[in-house]
Amino acid sequence: MYADLGAERPIAVERDGLKLVVEVKSFIGASKIQDLKEALGQYDIYRYLLEETAPDRKLYVAINAITHKSFFTQDVIQLILQKHQLPLIVVDTETEEITQWIN
C-alpha cells in the first residue's frame, strides 16, 4: 500500500480479506490537538456513513511514524484514543511501509 501522508484523503484497501477504508491524516497544523479534534470528527462522520453505505468496511486513520512517536504515545492522547476507540495505521513515510496496526 502506498501512503501519501502529505495529502488527506480516504483510500479503499483490503487486508486479509477484510475491506478497509483508510483516512490519511498529516497532523501538520499549528496545533496537533486541533488536528486530532478534526480527525476524530471526520472519523465519526465517515464511520456513520460507512455503517449505512458499506457496513462490510472498517475505517482506519493512517498517521506517520514520527507523529505517532512524538504525539500519539502521550498518556492523555492514549486515553482519548482508547475512549474513542480510534483504529490507527502507523506508516514509515521514508520506506512507505506500514509499521503498526492499532485496533
C-alpha atoms as a PDB file:
ATOM      1  CA  MET A   1       0.000   0.000   0.000  1.00  0.00           C
ATOM      2  CA  TYR A   2       1.320   3.443  -0.893  1.00  0.00           C
ATOM      3  CA  ALA A   3       0.537   6.100   1.692  1.00  0.00           C
ATOM      4  CA  ASP A   4       0.807   9.750   0.758  1.00  0.00           C
ATOM      5  CA  LEU A   5       0.736  11.391   4.160  1.00  0.00           C
ATOM      6  CA  GLY A   6       1.035  14.860   2.673  1.00  0.00           C
ATOM      7  CA  ALA A   7      -2.488  14.551   1.332  1.00  0.00           C
ATOM      8  CA  GLU A   8      -5.544  13.835   3.373  1.00  0.00           C
ATOM      9  CA  ARG A   9      -7.881  11.504   1.568  1.00  0.00           C
ATOM     10  CA  PRO A  10      -9.712   8.230   2.078  1.00  0.00           C
ATOM     11  CA  ILE A  11      -8.230   5.102   0.471  1.00  0.00           C
ATOM     12  CA  ALA A  12     -10.050   1.794  -0.010  1.00  0.00           C
ATOM     13  CA  VAL A  13      -7.852  -1.274   0.595  1.00  0.00           C
ATOM     14  CA  GLU A  14      -8.106  -4.911   1.619  1.00  0.00           C
ATOM     15  CA  ARG A  15      -6.137  -6.726   4.305  1.00  0.00           C
ATOM     16  CA  ASP A  16      -6.508 -10.434   4.999  1.00  0.00           C
ATOM     17  CA  GLY A  17      -9.822 -10.426   3.145  1.00  0.00           C
ATOM     18  CA  LEU A  18     -11.218  -7.524   5.180  1.00  0.00           C
ATOM     19  CA  LYS A  19     -12.369  -4.450   3.315  1.00  0.00           C
ATOM     20  CA  LEU A  20     -10.900  -1.291   4.808  1.00  0.00           C
ATOM     21  CA  VAL A  21     -11.200   2.422   4.287  1.00  0.00           C
ATOM     22  CA  VAL A  22      -8.131   4.378   5.350  1.00  0.00           C
ATOM     23  CA  GLU A  23      -8.280   8.097   6.079  1.00  0.00           C
ATOM     24  CA  VAL A  24      -4.788   9.562   5.778  1.00  0.00           C
ATOM     25  CA  LYS A  25      -4.061  12.394   8.231  1.00  0.00           C
ATOM     26  CA  SER A  26      -0.944  14.561   8.213  1.00  0.00           C
ATOM     27  CA  PHE A  27      -1.115  16.378  11.585  1.00  0.00           C
ATOM     28  CA  ILE A  28       0.901  19.308  10.247  1.00  0.00           C
ATOM     29  CA  GLY A  29      -1.349  22.093  11.529  1.00  0.00           C
ATOM     30  CA  ALA A  30      -0.306  24.699  14.080  1.00  0.00           C
ATOM     31  CA  SER A  31      -1.960  22.626  16.845  1.00  0.00           C
ATOM     32  CA  LYS A  32      -1.822  18.845  16.950  1.00  0.00           C
ATOM     33  CA  ILE A  33      -4.727  18.893  19.435  1.00  0.00           C
ATOM     34  CA  GLN A  34      -6.834  20.793  16.894  1.00  0.00           C
ATOM     35  CA  ASP A  35      -5.750  18.340  14.198  1.00  0.00           C
ATOM     36  CA  LEU A  36      -6.802  15.475  16.489  1.00  0.00           C
ATOM     37  CA  LYS A  37     -10.191  17.061  17.169  1.00  0.00           C
ATOM     38  CA  GLU A  38     -10.775  17.425  13.431  1.00  0.00           C
ATOM     39  CA  ALA A  39      -9.586  13.869  12.755  1.00  0.00           C
ATOM     40  CA  LEU A  40     -11.921  12.457  15.413  1.00  0.00           C
ATOM     41  CA  GLY A  41     -14.858  14.400  13.992  1.00  0.00           C
ATOM     42  CA  GLN A  42     -14.103  13.290  10.433  1.00  0.00           C
ATOM     43  CA  TYR A  43     -13.648   9.721  11.633  1.00  0.00           C
ATOM     44  CA  ASP A  44     -17.096   9.760  13.241  1.00  0.00           C
ATOM     45  CA  ILE A  45     -18.739  11.187  10.121  1.00  0.00           C
ATOM     46  CA  TYR A  46     -17.056   8.662   7.795  1.00  0.00           C
ATOM     47  CA  ARG A  47     -17.830   5.791  10.182  1.00  0.00           C
ATOM     48  CA  TYR A  48     -21.523   6.726  10.340  1.00  0.00           C
ATOM     49  CA  LEU A  49     -21.689   6.975   6.546  1.00  0.00           C
ATOM     50  CA  LEU A  50     -19.904   3.657   6.090  1.00  0.00           C
ATOM     51  CA  GLU A  51     -22.286   1.964   8.517  1.00  0.00           C
ATOM     52  CA  GLU A  52     -25.127   2.927   6.176  1.00  0.00           C
ATOM     53  CA  THR A  53     -23.460   2.589   2.773  1.00  0.00           C
ATOM     54  CA  ALA A  54     -20.717  -0.033   3.196  1.00  0.00           C
ATOM     55  CA  PRO A  55     -21.153  -1.852   6.509  1.00  0.00           C
ATOM     56  CA  ASP A  56     -18.654  -4.512   5.419  1.00  0.00           C
ATOM     57  CA  ARG A  57     -15.795  -1.975   5.558  1.00  0.00           C
ATOM     58  CA  LYS A  58     -13.742  -0.986   8.605  1.00  0.00           C
ATOM     59  CA  LEU A  59     -12.361   2.531   8.895  1.00  0.00           C
ATOM     60  CA  TYR A  60      -8.779   3.283   9.954  1.00  0.00           C
ATOM     61  CA  VAL A  61      -6.858   6.543  10.316  1.00  0.00           C
ATOM     62  CA  ALA A  62      -3.312   6.496   8.922  1.00  0.00           C
ATOM     63  CA  ILE A  63      -0.595   8.626  10.503  1.00  0.00           C
ATOM     64  CA  ASN A  64       3.146   8.814  10.011  1.00  0.00           C
ATOM     65  CA  ALA A  65       5.512   7.109  12.460  1.00  0.00           C
ATOM     66  CA  ILE A  66       7.085  10.372  13.625  1.00  0.00           C
ATOM     67  CA  THR A  67       3.702  11.833  14.607  1.00  0.00           C
ATOM     68  CA  HIS A  68       2.808   8.580  16.321  1.00  0.00           C
ATOM     69  CA  LYS A  69       6.003   8.568  18.370  1.00  0.00           C
ATOM     70  CA  SER A  70       6.010  12.278  19.259  1.00  0.00           C
ATOM     71  CA  PHE A  71       2.290  12.852  19.840  1.00  0.00           C
ATOM     72  CA  PHE A  72       0.148   9.716  19.889  1.00  0.00           C
ATOM     73  CA  THR A  73       2.163   7.978  22.625  1.00  0.00           C
ATOM     74  CA  GLN A  74       1.450  10.710  25.195  1.00  0.00           C
ATOM     75  CA  ASP A  75      -0.698   9.466  28.088  1.00  0.00           C
ATOM     76  CA  VAL A  76      -3.518  11.975  27.573  1.00  0.00           C
ATOM     77  CA  ILE A  77      -3.662  11.228  23.827  1.00  0.00           C
ATOM     78  CA  GLN A  78      -3.658   7.485  24.541  1.00  0.00           C
ATOM     79  CA  LEU A  79      -6.611   7.999  26.887  1.00  0.00           C
ATOM     80  CA  ILE A  80      -8.521   9.893  24.194  1.00  0.00           C
ATOM     81  CA  LEU A  81      -7.757   7.226  21.576  1.00  0.00           C
ATOM     82  CA  GLN A  82      -8.844   4.422  23.899  1.00  0.00           C
ATOM     83  CA  LYS A  83     -12.090   6.177  24.837  1.00  0.00           C
ATOM     84  CA  HIS A  84     -12.813   6.967  21.180  1.00  0.00           C
ATOM     85  CA  GLN A  85     -11.659   3.509  20.007  1.00  0.00           C
ATOM     86  CA  LEU A  86      -9.789   5.018  17.064  1.00  0.00           C
ATOM     87  CA  PRO A  87      -8.091   2.359  14.910  1.00  0.00           C
ATOM     88  CA  LEU A  88      -4.752   3.559  13.541  1.00  0.00           C
ATOM     89  CA  ILE A  89      -2.302   2.561  10.859  1.00  0.00           C
ATOM     90  CA  VAL A  90       1.227   3.836  11.514  1.00  0.00           C
ATOM     91  CA  VAL A  91       3.286   4.376   8.356  1.00  0.00           C
ATOM     92  CA  ASP A  92       7.017   4.929   7.926  1.00  0.00           C
ATOM     93  CA  THR A  93       6.992   7.578   5.217  1.00  0.00           C
ATOM     94  CA  GLU A  94      10.656   7.007   4.297  1.00  0.00           C
ATOM     95  CA  THR A  95      10.181   3.331   3.472  1.00  0.00           C
ATOM     96  CA  GLU A  96       6.474   3.735   2.629  1.00  0.00           C
ATOM     97  CA  GLU A  97       5.674   0.729   4.810  1.00  0.00           C
ATOM     98  CA  ILE A  98       3.051   0.134   7.434  1.00  0.00           C
ATOM     99  CA  THR A  99       4.855  -0.372  10.740  1.00  0.00           C
ATOM    100  CA  GLN A 100       1.898  -0.883  13.050  1.00  0.00           C
ATOM    101  CA  TRP A 101      -1.827  -1.644  13.044  1.00  0.00           C
ATOM    102  CA  ILE A 102      -3.532  -0.417  16.216  1.00  0.00           C
ATOM    103  CA  ASN A 103      -7.137  -1.501  16.769  1.00  0.00           C
END
